[in-house]
Amino acid sequence: MDAVLKSLLEQVSDLHDIPTGAYNIRSNGHSEGRNSTQTIQIKGKTDGKSGIDIIVKANTKNEFVHIPALITEGGINDLVYNDFYIGENADVTIVAGCGVHNCSDEASMHEGIHRFFLGKNAKVKYLEKHIGEGDGKGERIINPQTHIFAEENSYMEMDTVQLKGVDSTNRVSTAKLAEGATLVIKEKIMTHGNQTAETSFEVELDGKGSSANLISRSVAKDDSKQVFRSIINGNADCYGHSECDAIIMDSGVVAAIPEITANHLDATLIHEAAIGKIAGDQLTKLMTLGLTEQEAEQQIINGFLK
């Protein structure tokens, strides 16, 4: 890998070199490297689509899978389909993420469509970081989709971060949760300039004791625009919570559009949203400690998105 690829890899996956264990590194629309282990297999698609199948054997514990996707050229339109089959009682961490380094005048786009099939009692932690950089005029576009099918008593936690350089993103997540299944999604987004970011969550709480907690924190600077949509359908004795907290600065715009529907007498569903500017007293307090206004703003933003 050249220096640009290595830099992107470190930023989106915290890797300094090729990882050990199971991995697939995708670069400019093709596999840069791939490795399977005794308990985790990674196979190329055989249905004509671009992408991989990740198969985690039952009872696999405390293992990592790295699947970063990197773009370093202009004019790339990369569409990939990745399916994850997580065996019963498995416990794994999946480190994904996408970096687009574009120094051209042509747009480059990565679209990742990920499906997760969690077996009974399986546990997955999914980490996804998006980065855009480069001094070209071409857009850096990242559109991830995540579709989750969770069997009884399974658990999935998604931690997604996009704080730098992505001109446009449309993030779609859906889930169907069986009895006792749990989904936790934590999203952090910052936009600036004329960037746009859309997030859509749709969760079906189908099983008794199923639960979902969707949390979005975002900052919109300059003339950027963000939209947060969340749909939770409680179809059983279940619990669902959706929360959107956003800071607007300059001429930034943030819209929160919740929808919660209780289709069962014992469904408990909650939505919370708070959008506003940085409080003046917070700035004043930090500035009395010797910070400039800009430094104080950055401190507050860092704490908010931590």
C-alpha atoms as a PDB file:
ATOM      1  CA  MET A   1       0.000   0.000   0.000  1.00  0.00           C
ATOM      2  CA  ASP A   2       1.166   3.534  -0.731  1.00  0.00           C
ATOM      3  CA  ALA A   3       1.301   6.333   1.866  1.00  0.00           C
ATOM      4  CA  VAL A   4      -2.212   7.661   1.073  1.00  0.00           C
ATOM      5  CA  LEU A   5      -3.809   4.233   1.484  1.00  0.00           C
ATOM      6  CA  LYS A   6      -1.938   3.626   4.727  1.00  0.00           C
ATOM      7  CA  SER A   7      -3.056   7.009   6.083  1.00  0.00           C
ATOM      8  CA  LEU A   8      -6.708   6.340   5.226  1.00  0.00           C
ATOM      9  CA  LEU A   9      -6.502   2.860   6.710  1.00  0.00           C
ATOM     10  CA  GLU A  10      -5.223   4.275   9.978  1.00  0.00           C
ATOM     11  CA  GLN A  11      -7.910   6.972  10.094  1.00  0.00           C
ATOM     12  CA  VAL A  12     -10.911   4.724   9.441  1.00  0.00           C
ATOM     13  CA  SER A  13      -9.745   1.561  11.229  1.00  0.00           C
ATOM     14  CA  ASP A  14      -6.938   2.595  13.621  1.00  0.00           C
ATOM     15  CA  LEU A  15      -4.662   0.161  11.773  1.00  0.00           C
ATOM     16  CA  HIS A  16      -1.042   0.981  10.994  1.00  0.00           C
ATOM     17  CA  ASP A  17      -0.534  -2.012   8.715  1.00  0.00           C
ATOM     18  CA  ILE A  18      -2.205  -5.209   7.511  1.00  0.00           C
ATOM     19  CA  PRO A  19      -4.104  -6.623  10.524  1.00  0.00           C
ATOM     20  CA  THR A  20      -3.872 -10.089  11.960  1.00  0.00           C
ATOM     21  CA  GLY A  21      -6.944 -12.314  12.001  1.00  0.00           C
ATOM     22  CA  ALA A  22      -9.841 -12.084   9.565  1.00  0.00           C
ATOM     23  CA  TYR A  23      -9.871  -9.084   7.234  1.00  0.00           C
ATOM     24  CA  ASN A  24     -10.784  -7.761   3.814  1.00  0.00           C
ATOM     25  CA  ILE A  25      -9.285  -4.463   2.663  1.00  0.00           C
ATOM     26  CA  ARG A  26     -11.079  -2.913  -0.311  1.00  0.00           C
ATOM     27  CA  SER A  27      -9.326  -0.285  -2.419  1.00  0.00           C
ATOM     28  CA  ASN A  28     -10.813   1.593  -5.384  1.00  0.00           C
ATOM     29  CA  GLY A  29     -13.426  -1.089  -6.008  1.00  0.00           C
ATOM     30  CA  HIS A  30     -11.361  -4.245  -5.580  1.00  0.00           C
ATOM     31  CA  SER A  31      -9.840  -6.334  -2.807  1.00  0.00           C
ATOM     32  CA  GLU A  32      -6.384  -5.195  -1.710  1.00  0.00           C
ATOM     33  CA  GLY A  33      -6.026  -8.176   0.621  1.00  0.00           C
ATOM     34  CA  ARG A  34      -8.091 -10.831   2.403  1.00  0.00           C
ATOM     35  CA  ASN A  35      -7.617 -13.390   5.137  1.00  0.00           C
ATOM     36  CA  SER A  36      -9.811 -15.958   6.890  1.00  0.00           C
ATOM     37  CA  THR A  37      -9.273 -17.842  10.142  1.00  0.00           C
ATOM     38  CA  GLN A  38     -10.456 -21.163  11.510  1.00  0.00           C
ATOM     39  CA  THR A  39     -13.528 -19.540  13.011  1.00  0.00           C
ATOM     40  CA  ILE A  40     -14.219 -16.656  10.584  1.00  0.00           C
ATOM     41  CA  GLN A  41     -14.437 -17.163   6.836  1.00  0.00           C
ATOM     42  CA  ILE A  42     -14.472 -14.331   4.302  1.00  0.00           C
ATOM     43  CA  LYS A  43     -15.542 -15.309   0.788  1.00  0.00           C
ATOM     44  CA  GLY A  44     -16.113 -13.364  -2.397  1.00  0.00           C
ATOM     45  CA  LYS A  45     -19.665 -13.171  -3.729  1.00  0.00           C
ATOM     46  CA  THR A  46     -20.692 -15.846  -6.234  1.00  0.00           C
ATOM     47  CA  ASP A  47     -23.962 -14.237  -7.392  1.00  0.00           C
ATOM     48  CA  GLY A  48     -22.362 -11.686  -9.693  1.00  0.00           C
ATOM     49  CA  LYS A  49     -22.467  -8.878  -7.149  1.00  0.00           C
ATOM     50  CA  SER A  50     -19.376  -7.143  -5.864  1.00  0.00           C
ATOM     51  CA  GLY A  51     -18.775  -7.897  -2.214  1.00  0.00           C
ATOM     52  CA  ILE A  52     -18.087 -10.551   0.392  1.00  0.00           C
ATOM     53  CA  ASP A  53     -19.773 -13.001   2.757  1.00  0.00           C
ATOM     54  CA  ILE A  54     -18.422 -13.032   6.328  1.00  0.00           C
ATOM     55  CA  ILE A  55     -19.293 -16.263   8.135  1.00  0.00           C
ATOM     56  CA  VAL A  56     -18.637 -16.420  11.884  1.00  0.00           C
ATOM     57  CA  LYS A  57     -18.884 -19.903  13.374  1.00  0.00           C
ATOM     58  CA  ALA A  58     -21.070 -20.584  16.397  1.00  0.00           C
ATOM     59  CA  ASN A  59     -19.425 -20.005  19.787  1.00  0.00           C
ATOM     60  CA  THR A  60     -16.621 -17.842  18.354  1.00  0.00           C
ATOM     61  CA  LYS A  61     -15.480 -15.497  21.132  1.00  0.00           C
ATOM     62  CA  ASN A  62     -13.561 -12.215  21.347  1.00  0.00           C
ATOM     63  CA  GLU A  63     -12.377 -12.028  17.737  1.00  0.00           C
ATOM     64  CA  PHE A  64     -12.068  -9.065  15.374  1.00  0.00           C
ATOM     65  CA  VAL A  65     -12.981  -8.672  11.706  1.00  0.00           C
ATOM     66  CA  HIS A  66     -11.579  -5.702   9.736  1.00  0.00           C
ATOM     67  CA  ILE A  67     -13.324  -4.688   6.488  1.00  0.00           C
ATOM     68  CA  PRO A  68     -12.277  -1.121   5.556  1.00  0.00           C
ATOM     69  CA  ALA A  69     -13.106   0.342   2.123  1.00  0.00           C
ATOM     70  CA  LEU A  70     -10.747   2.979   0.690  1.00  0.00           C
ATOM     71  CA  ILE A  71     -10.905   5.249  -2.368  1.00  0.00           C
ATOM     72  CA  THR A  72      -7.908   7.271  -3.563  1.00  0.00           C
ATOM     73  CA  GLU A  73      -8.953   8.147  -7.120  1.00  0.00           C
ATOM     74  CA  GLY A  74     -11.479  10.470  -8.745  1.00  0.00           C
ATOM     75  CA  GLY A  75     -14.425   9.201 -10.755  1.00  0.00           C
ATOM     76  CA  ILE A  76     -14.866   6.013  -8.686  1.00  0.00           C
ATOM     77  CA  ASN A  77     -18.403   4.674  -8.168  1.00  0.00           C
ATOM     78  CA  ASP A  78     -17.968   1.760  -5.783  1.00  0.00           C
ATOM     79  CA  LEU A  79     -21.028  -0.330  -4.857  1.00  0.00           C
ATOM     80  CA  VAL A  80     -20.430  -3.303  -2.573  1.00  0.00           C
ATOM     81  CA  TYR A  81     -22.700  -5.901  -0.941  1.00  0.00           C
ATOM     82  CA  ASN A  82     -21.449  -7.472   2.291  1.00  0.00           C
ATOM     83  CA  ASP A  83     -23.399 -10.126   4.199  1.00  0.00           C
ATOM     84  CA  PHE A  84     -22.543 -11.147   7.765  1.00  0.00           C
ATOM     85  CA  TYR A  85     -23.675 -14.505   9.138  1.00  0.00           C
ATOM     86  CA  ILE A  86     -23.075 -14.560  12.903  1.00  0.00           C
ATOM     87  CA  GLY A  87     -23.411 -18.008  14.476  1.00  0.00           C
ATOM     88  CA  GLU A  88     -25.207 -18.776  17.723  1.00  0.00           C
ATOM     89  CA  ASN A  89     -23.447 -17.624  20.902  1.00  0.00           C
ATOM     90  CA  ALA A  90     -20.697 -15.875  18.930  1.00  0.00           C
ATOM     91  CA  ASP A  91     -19.164 -12.638  20.248  1.00  0.00           C
ATOM     92  CA  VAL A  92     -17.213 -10.576  17.696  1.00  0.00           C
ATOM     93  CA  THR A  93     -16.151  -7.009  16.922  1.00  0.00           C
ATOM     94  CA  ILE A  94     -16.372  -5.823  13.317  1.00  0.00           C
ATOM     95  CA  VAL A  95     -14.321  -2.780  12.318  1.00  0.00           C
ATOM     96  CA  ALA A  96     -15.560  -1.291   9.054  1.00  0.00           C
ATOM     97  CA  GLY A  97     -15.252   2.288   7.830  1.00  0.00           C
ATOM     98  CA  CYS A  98     -14.673   4.119   4.584  1.00  0.00           C
ATOM     99  CA  GLY A  99     -12.132   6.740   3.560  1.00  0.00           C
ATOM    100  CA  VAL A 100     -12.324   8.785   0.345  1.00  0.00           C
ATOM    101  CA  HIS A 101      -9.204  10.744  -0.678  1.00  0.00           C
ATOM    102  CA  ASN A 102     -10.129  12.725  -3.786  1.00  0.00           C
ATOM    103  CA  CYS A 103      -7.747  15.192  -5.428  1.00  0.00           C
ATOM    104  CA  SER A 104      -9.581  15.279  -8.769  1.00  0.00           C
ATOM    105  CA  ASP A 105     -12.472  17.309 -10.189  1.00  0.00           C
ATOM    106  CA  GLU A 106     -14.657  14.185 -10.517  1.00  0.00           C
ATOM    107  CA  ALA A 107     -16.867  12.871  -7.729  1.00  0.00           C
ATOM    108  CA  SER A 108     -15.976   9.610  -6.008  1.00  0.00           C
ATOM    109  CA  MET A 109     -18.615   7.552  -4.199  1.00  0.00           C
ATOM    110  CA  HIS A 110     -18.707   4.487  -2.003  1.00  0.00           C
ATOM    111  CA  GLU A 111     -22.006   2.728  -1.290  1.00  0.00           C
ATOM    112  CA  GLY A 112     -21.879  -0.196   1.113  1.00  0.00           C
ATOM    113  CA  ILE A 113     -24.950  -2.372   1.587  1.00  0.00           C
ATOM    114  CA  HIS A 114     -24.458  -4.550   4.660  1.00  0.00           C
ATOM    115  CA  ARG A 115     -26.818  -7.241   5.920  1.00  0.00           C
ATOM    116  CA  PHE A 116     -26.406  -8.833   9.346  1.00  0.00           C
ATOM    117  CA  PHE A 117     -27.971 -12.172  10.254  1.00  0.00           C
ATOM    118  CA  LEU A 118     -27.488 -12.714  13.993  1.00  0.00           C
ATOM    119  CA  GLY A 119     -28.062 -16.190  15.401  1.00  0.00           C
ATOM    120  CA  LYS A 120     -29.538 -16.842  18.831  1.00  0.00           C
ATOM    121  CA  ASN A 121     -27.557 -15.260  21.681  1.00  0.00           C
ATOM    122  CA  ALA A 122     -25.006 -13.800  19.253  1.00  0.00           C
ATOM    123  CA  LYS A 123     -23.276 -10.535  20.140  1.00  0.00           C
ATOM    124  CA  VAL A 124     -21.799  -8.060  17.654  1.00  0.00           C
ATOM    125  CA  LYS A 125     -20.052  -4.726  18.133  1.00  0.00           C
ATOM    126  CA  TYR A 126     -19.867  -2.867  14.818  1.00  0.00           C
ATOM    127  CA  LEU A 127     -17.555   0.140  14.460  1.00  0.00           C
ATOM    128  CA  GLU A 128     -17.850   2.347  11.379  1.00  0.00           C
ATOM    129  CA  LYS A 129     -15.905   5.561  10.732  1.00  0.00           C
ATOM    130  CA  HIS A 130     -16.193   7.727   7.601  1.00  0.00           C
ATOM    131  CA  ILE A 131     -13.520  10.177   6.441  1.00  0.00           C
ATOM    132  CA  GLY A 132     -13.277  12.459   3.403  1.00  0.00           C
ATOM    133  CA  GLU A 133     -10.141  14.354   2.361  1.00  0.00           C
ATOM    134  CA  GLY A 134      -8.163  15.629  -0.619  1.00  0.00           C
ATOM    135  CA  ASP A 135      -7.788  19.028  -2.308  1.00  0.00           C
ATOM    136  CA  GLY A 136      -9.785  18.323  -5.498  1.00  0.00           C
ATOM    137  CA  LYS A 137     -13.132  19.867  -6.368  1.00  0.00           C
ATOM    138  CA  GLY A 138     -14.741  16.448  -6.876  1.00  0.00           C
ATOM    139  CA  GLU A 139     -17.291  15.426  -4.243  1.00  0.00           C
ATOM    140  CA  ARG A 140     -16.623  12.763  -1.627  1.00  0.00           C
ATOM    141  CA  ILE A 141     -19.824  10.735  -1.217  1.00  0.00           C
ATOM    142  CA  ILE A 142     -20.432   7.877   1.227  1.00  0.00           C
ATOM    143  CA  ASN A 143     -23.828   6.130   1.392  1.00  0.00           C
ATOM    144  CA  PRO A 144     -23.923   3.225   3.874  1.00  0.00           C
ATOM    145  CA  GLN A 145     -26.852   0.876   4.380  1.00  0.00           C
ATOM    146  CA  THR A 146     -27.155  -1.541   7.289  1.00  0.00           C
ATOM    147  CA  HIS A 147     -29.955  -4.106   7.496  1.00  0.00           C
ATOM    148  CA  ILE A 148     -30.162  -6.237  10.650  1.00  0.00           C
ATOM    149  CA  PHE A 149     -32.071  -9.464  11.252  1.00  0.00           C
ATOM    150  CA  ALA A 150     -31.650 -10.398  14.912  1.00  0.00           C
ATOM    151  CA  GLU A 151     -32.767 -13.737  16.344  1.00  0.00           C
ATOM    152  CA  GLU A 152     -33.701 -14.472  19.964  1.00  0.00           C
ATOM    153  CA  ASN A 153     -31.619 -12.818  22.685  1.00  0.00           C
ATOM    154  CA  SER A 154     -29.012 -11.505  20.263  1.00  0.00           C
ATOM    155  CA  TYR A 155     -27.296  -8.151  20.756  1.00  0.00           C
ATOM    156  CA  MET A 156     -25.868  -5.654  18.281  1.00  0.00           C
ATOM    157  CA  GLU A 157     -24.195  -2.340  19.016  1.00  0.00           C
ATOM    158  CA  MET A 158     -23.344   0.048  16.171  1.00  0.00           C
ATOM    159  CA  ASP A 159     -20.988   2.960  16.769  1.00  0.00           C
ATOM    160  CA  THR A 160     -20.763   5.206  13.687  1.00  0.00           C
ATOM    161  CA  VAL A 161     -18.691   8.376  13.309  1.00  0.00           C
ATOM    162  CA  GLN A 162     -18.406  10.940  10.511  1.00  0.00           C
ATOM    163  CA  LEU A 163     -16.625  14.127  11.500  1.00  0.00           C
ATOM    164  CA  LYS A 164     -14.522  15.105   8.516  1.00  0.00           C
ATOM    165  CA  GLY A 165     -14.693  15.943   4.849  1.00  0.00           C
ATOM    166  CA  VAL A 166     -17.681  13.964   3.502  1.00  0.00           C
ATOM    167  CA  ASP A 167     -19.664  16.183   1.109  1.00  0.00           C
ATOM    168  CA  SER A 168     -22.806  14.055   0.985  1.00  0.00           C
ATOM    169  CA  THR A 169     -24.038  11.050   2.907  1.00  0.00           C
ATOM    170  CA  ASN A 170     -27.318   9.136   3.058  1.00  0.00           C
ATOM    171  CA  ARG A 171     -27.213   6.662   5.937  1.00  0.00           C
ATOM    172  CA  VAL A 172     -29.955   4.019   6.077  1.00  0.00           C
ATOM    173  CA  SER A 173     -30.388   1.452   8.853  1.00  0.00           C
ATOM    174  CA  THR A 174     -33.222  -1.048   9.301  1.00  0.00           C
ATOM    175  CA  ALA A 175     -33.723  -3.822  11.835  1.00  0.00           C
ATOM    176  CA  LYS A 176     -36.114  -6.628  12.738  1.00  0.00           C
ATOM    177  CA  LEU A 177     -35.708  -7.847  16.304  1.00  0.00           C
ATOM    178  CA  ALA A 178     -36.985 -11.156  17.641  1.00  0.00           C
ATOM    179  CA  GLU A 179     -37.756 -12.040  21.263  1.00  0.00           C
ATOM    180  CA  GLY A 180     -35.201 -10.636  23.693  1.00  0.00           C
ATOM    181  CA  ALA A 181     -33.035  -9.102  20.955  1.00  0.00           C
ATOM    182  CA  THR A 182     -31.322  -5.751  21.591  1.00  0.00           C
ATOM    183  CA  LEU A 183     -30.070  -3.069  19.211  1.00  0.00           C
ATOM    184  CA  VAL A 184     -28.024  -0.012  20.232  1.00  0.00           C
ATOM    185  CA  ILE A 185     -26.995   2.563  17.606  1.00  0.00           C
ATOM    186  CA  LYS A 186     -24.778   5.540  18.451  1.00  0.00           C
ATOM    187  CA  GLU A 187     -24.183   8.058  15.682  1.00  0.00           C
ATOM    188  CA  LYS A 188     -21.890  11.125  15.640  1.00  0.00           C
ATOM    189  CA  ILE A 189     -21.869  13.505  12.655  1.00  0.00           C
ATOM    190  CA  MET A 190     -20.315  16.876  11.930  1.00  0.00           C
ATOM    191  CA  THR A 191     -20.891  18.767   8.684  1.00  0.00           C
ATOM    192  CA  HIS A 192     -19.523  22.057   7.367  1.00  0.00           C
ATOM    193  CA  GLY A 193     -19.490  24.133   4.178  1.00  0.00           C
ATOM    194  CA  ASN A 194     -22.359  23.029   1.931  1.00  0.00           C
ATOM    195  CA  GLN A 195     -22.280  19.409   3.046  1.00  0.00           C
ATOM    196  CA  THR A 196     -25.453  17.377   3.510  1.00  0.00           C
ATOM    197  CA  ALA A 197     -26.129  14.406   5.775  1.00  0.00           C
ATOM    198  CA  GLU A 198     -29.287  12.311   6.013  1.00  0.00           C
ATOM    199  CA  THR A 199     -29.896   9.555   8.532  1.00  0.00           C
ATOM    200  CA  SER A 200     -32.829   7.120   8.455  1.00  0.00           C
ATOM    201  CA  PHE A 201     -33.488   4.495  11.119  1.00  0.00           C
ATOM    202  CA  GLU A 202     -36.396   2.036  10.909  1.00  0.00           C
ATOM    203  CA  VAL A 203     -36.794  -0.649  13.552  1.00  0.00           C
ATOM    204  CA  GLU A 204     -39.429  -3.370  13.931  1.00  0.00           C
ATOM    205  CA  LEU A 205     -39.633  -4.602  17.520  1.00  0.00           C
ATOM    206  CA  ASP A 206     -41.319  -7.906  16.787  1.00  0.00           C
ATOM    207  CA  GLY A 207     -40.439 -10.041  19.798  1.00  0.00           C
ATOM    208  CA  LYS A 208     -41.364  -9.939  23.465  1.00  0.00           C
ATOM    209  CA  GLY A 209     -38.640  -8.207  25.443  1.00  0.00           C
ATOM    210  CA  SER A 210     -36.924  -6.784  22.370  1.00  0.00           C
ATOM    211  CA  SER A 211     -35.420  -3.295  22.652  1.00  0.00           C
ATOM    212  CA  ALA A 212     -33.815  -0.580  20.558  1.00  0.00           C
ATOM    213  CA  ASN A 213     -31.904   2.545  21.583  1.00  0.00           C
ATOM    214  CA  LEU A 214     -31.084   4.965  18.738  1.00  0.00           C
ATOM    215  CA  ILE A 215     -28.883   7.938  19.656  1.00  0.00           C
ATOM    216  CA  SER A 216     -27.681  10.643  17.260  1.00  0.00           C
ATOM    217  CA  ARG A 217     -25.407  13.569  18.146  1.00  0.00           C
ATOM    218  CA  SER A 218     -24.490  16.047  15.457  1.00  0.00           C
ATOM    219  CA  VAL A 219     -23.041  19.476  14.711  1.00  0.00           C
ATOM    220  CA  ALA A 220     -23.996  21.470  11.596  1.00  0.00           C
ATOM    221  CA  LYS A 221     -21.662  24.355  10.707  1.00  0.00           C
ATOM    222  CA  ASP A 222     -21.592  26.974   7.921  1.00  0.00           C
ATOM    223  CA  ASP A 223     -24.370  26.285   5.364  1.00  0.00           C
ATOM    224  CA  SER A 224     -24.535  22.534   5.891  1.00  0.00           C
ATOM    225  CA  LYS A 225     -27.811  20.635   6.279  1.00  0.00           C
ATOM    226  CA  GLN A 226     -28.744  17.515   8.207  1.00  0.00           C
ATOM    227  CA  VAL A 227     -31.902  15.422   8.435  1.00  0.00           C
ATOM    228  CA  PHE A 228     -32.522  12.776  11.102  1.00  0.00           C
ATOM    229  CA  ARG A 229     -35.449  10.377  10.596  1.00  0.00           C
ATOM    230  CA  SER A 230     -36.357   7.584  12.983  1.00  0.00           C
ATOM    231  CA  ILE A 231     -39.194   5.085  12.820  1.00  0.00           C
ATOM    232  CA  ILE A 232     -39.809   2.618  15.637  1.00  0.00           C
ATOM    233  CA  ASN A 233     -42.699   0.169  15.462  1.00  0.00           C
ATOM    234  CA  GLY A 234     -43.490  -1.630  18.702  1.00  0.00           C
ATOM    235  CA  ASN A 235     -45.193  -4.863  17.711  1.00  0.00           C
ATOM    236  CA  ALA A 236     -44.872  -6.692  21.043  1.00  0.00           C
ATOM    237  CA  ASP A 237     -44.141  -6.137  24.725  1.00  0.00           C
ATOM    238  CA  CYS A 238     -40.970  -4.156  23.954  1.00  0.00           C
ATOM    239  CA  TYR A 239     -38.995  -0.966  24.571  1.00  0.00           C
ATOM    240  CA  GLY A 240     -37.853   1.597  22.007  1.00  0.00           C
ATOM    241  CA  HIS A 241     -36.008   4.881  22.471  1.00  0.00           C
ATOM    242  CA  SER A 242     -34.876   7.417  19.864  1.00  0.00           C
ATOM    243  CA  GLU A 243     -32.825  10.517  20.666  1.00  0.00           C
ATOM    244  CA  CYS A 244     -31.494  13.330  18.472  1.00  0.00           C
ATOM    245  CA  ASP A 245     -29.259  16.037  19.983  1.00  0.00           C
ATOM    246  CA  ALA A 246     -27.805  18.640  17.619  1.00  0.00           C
ATOM    247  CA  ILE A 247     -25.825  21.867  17.722  1.00  0.00           C
ATOM    248  CA  ILE A 248     -26.339  24.386  14.935  1.00  0.00           C
ATOM    249  CA  MET A 249     -23.749  27.035  14.105  1.00  0.00           C
ATOM    250  CA  ASP A 250     -23.557  29.818  11.507  1.00  0.00           C
ATOM    251  CA  SER A 251     -26.346  29.067   8.968  1.00  0.00           C
ATOM    252  CA  GLY A 252     -26.497  25.331   9.621  1.00  0.00           C
ATOM    253  CA  VAL A 253     -29.850  23.501   9.451  1.00  0.00           C
ATOM    254  CA  VAL A 254     -30.906  20.353  11.311  1.00  0.00           C
ATOM    255  CA  ALA A 255     -34.297  18.625  11.069  1.00  0.00           C
ATOM    256  CA  ALA A 256     -35.452  15.783  13.347  1.00  0.00           C
ATOM    257  CA  ILE A 257     -38.405  13.722  12.117  1.00  0.00           C
ATOM    258  CA  PRO A 258     -39.506  11.029  14.592  1.00  0.00           C
ATOM    259  CA  GLU A 259     -42.217   8.425  14.175  1.00  0.00           C
ATOM    260  CA  ILE A 260     -43.118   5.954  16.902  1.00  0.00           C
ATOM    261  CA  THR A 261     -46.020   3.532  16.596  1.00  0.00           C
ATOM    262  CA  ALA A 262     -47.242   1.217  19.360  1.00  0.00           C
ATOM    263  CA  ASN A 263     -48.985  -1.782  17.816  1.00  0.00           C
ATOM    264  CA  HIS A 264     -49.117  -3.657  21.120  1.00  0.00           C
ATOM    265  CA  LEU A 265     -50.607  -2.699  24.494  1.00  0.00           C
ATOM    266  CA  ASP A 266     -47.301  -3.282  26.313  1.00  0.00           C
ATOM    267  CA  ALA A 267     -45.031  -1.473  23.877  1.00  0.00           C
ATOM    268  CA  THR A 268     -43.123   1.419  25.484  1.00  0.00           C
ATOM    269  CA  LEU A 269     -41.728   3.918  22.971  1.00  0.00           C
ATOM    270  CA  ILE A 270     -39.955   7.242  23.591  1.00  0.00           C
ATOM    271  CA  HIS A 271     -38.525   9.936  21.322  1.00  0.00           C
ATOM    272  CA  GLU A 272     -36.406  12.900  22.421  1.00  0.00           C
ATOM    273  CA  ALA A 273     -34.965  15.735  20.330  1.00  0.00           C
ATOM    274  CA  ALA A 274     -33.000  18.873  21.173  1.00  0.00           C
ATOM    275  CA  ILE A 275     -31.590  21.266  18.568  1.00  0.00           C
ATOM    276  CA  GLY A 276     -29.991  24.623  19.325  1.00  0.00           C
ATOM    277  CA  LYS A 277     -26.904  26.794  19.347  1.00  0.00           C
ATOM    278  CA  ILE A 278     -24.076  26.713  21.870  1.00  0.00           C
ATOM    279  CA  ALA A 279     -25.176  28.463  25.036  1.00  0.00           C
ATOM    280  CA  GLY A 280     -23.542  31.844  25.606  1.00  0.00           C
ATOM    281  CA  ASP A 281     -22.798  31.144  29.264  1.00  0.00           C
ATOM    282  CA  GLN A 282     -20.795  28.040  28.263  1.00  0.00           C
ATOM    283  CA  LEU A 283     -18.626  30.132  25.964  1.00  0.00           C
ATOM    284  CA  THR A 284     -18.203  32.862  28.565  1.00  0.00           C
ATOM    285  CA  LYS A 285     -17.141  30.404  31.248  1.00  0.00           C
ATOM    286  CA  LEU A 286     -14.432  28.857  29.074  1.00  0.00           C
ATOM    287  CA  MET A 287     -13.233  32.230  27.816  1.00  0.00           C
ATOM    288  CA  THR A 288     -12.720  33.406  31.402  1.00  0.00           C
ATOM    289  CA  LEU A 289     -10.255  30.516  31.689  1.00  0.00           C
ATOM    290  CA  GLY A 290      -8.150  32.027  28.915  1.00  0.00           C
ATOM    291  CA  LEU A 291      -9.567  30.392  25.790  1.00  0.00           C
ATOM    292  CA  THR A 292     -10.456  32.358  22.689  1.00  0.00           C
ATOM    293  CA  GLU A 293     -14.053  32.162  21.464  1.00  0.00           C
ATOM    294  CA  GLN A 294     -13.013  29.761  18.693  1.00  0.00           C
ATOM    295  CA  GLU A 295     -11.072  27.559  21.117  1.00  0.00           C
ATOM    296  CA  ALA A 296     -14.032  27.555  23.517  1.00  0.00           C
ATOM    297  CA  GLU A 297     -16.409  26.503  20.735  1.00  0.00           C
ATOM    298  CA  GLN A 298     -14.091  23.664  19.767  1.00  0.00           C
ATOM    299  CA  GLN A 299     -13.843  22.459  23.359  1.00  0.00           C
ATOM    300  CA  ILE A 300     -17.632  22.364  23.664  1.00  0.00           C
ATOM    301  CA  ILE A 301     -18.017  20.524  20.350  1.00  0.00           C
ATOM    302  CA  ASN A 302     -15.342  17.974  21.307  1.00  0.00           C
ATOM    303  CA  GLY A 303     -17.097  17.281  24.575  1.00  0.00           C
ATOM    304  CA  PHE A 304     -20.505  17.043  22.911  1.00  0.00           C
ATOM    305  CA  LEU A 305     -19.300  14.526  20.300  1.00  0.00           C
ATOM    306  CA  LYS A 306     -17.099  12.536  22.679  1.00  0.00           C
END
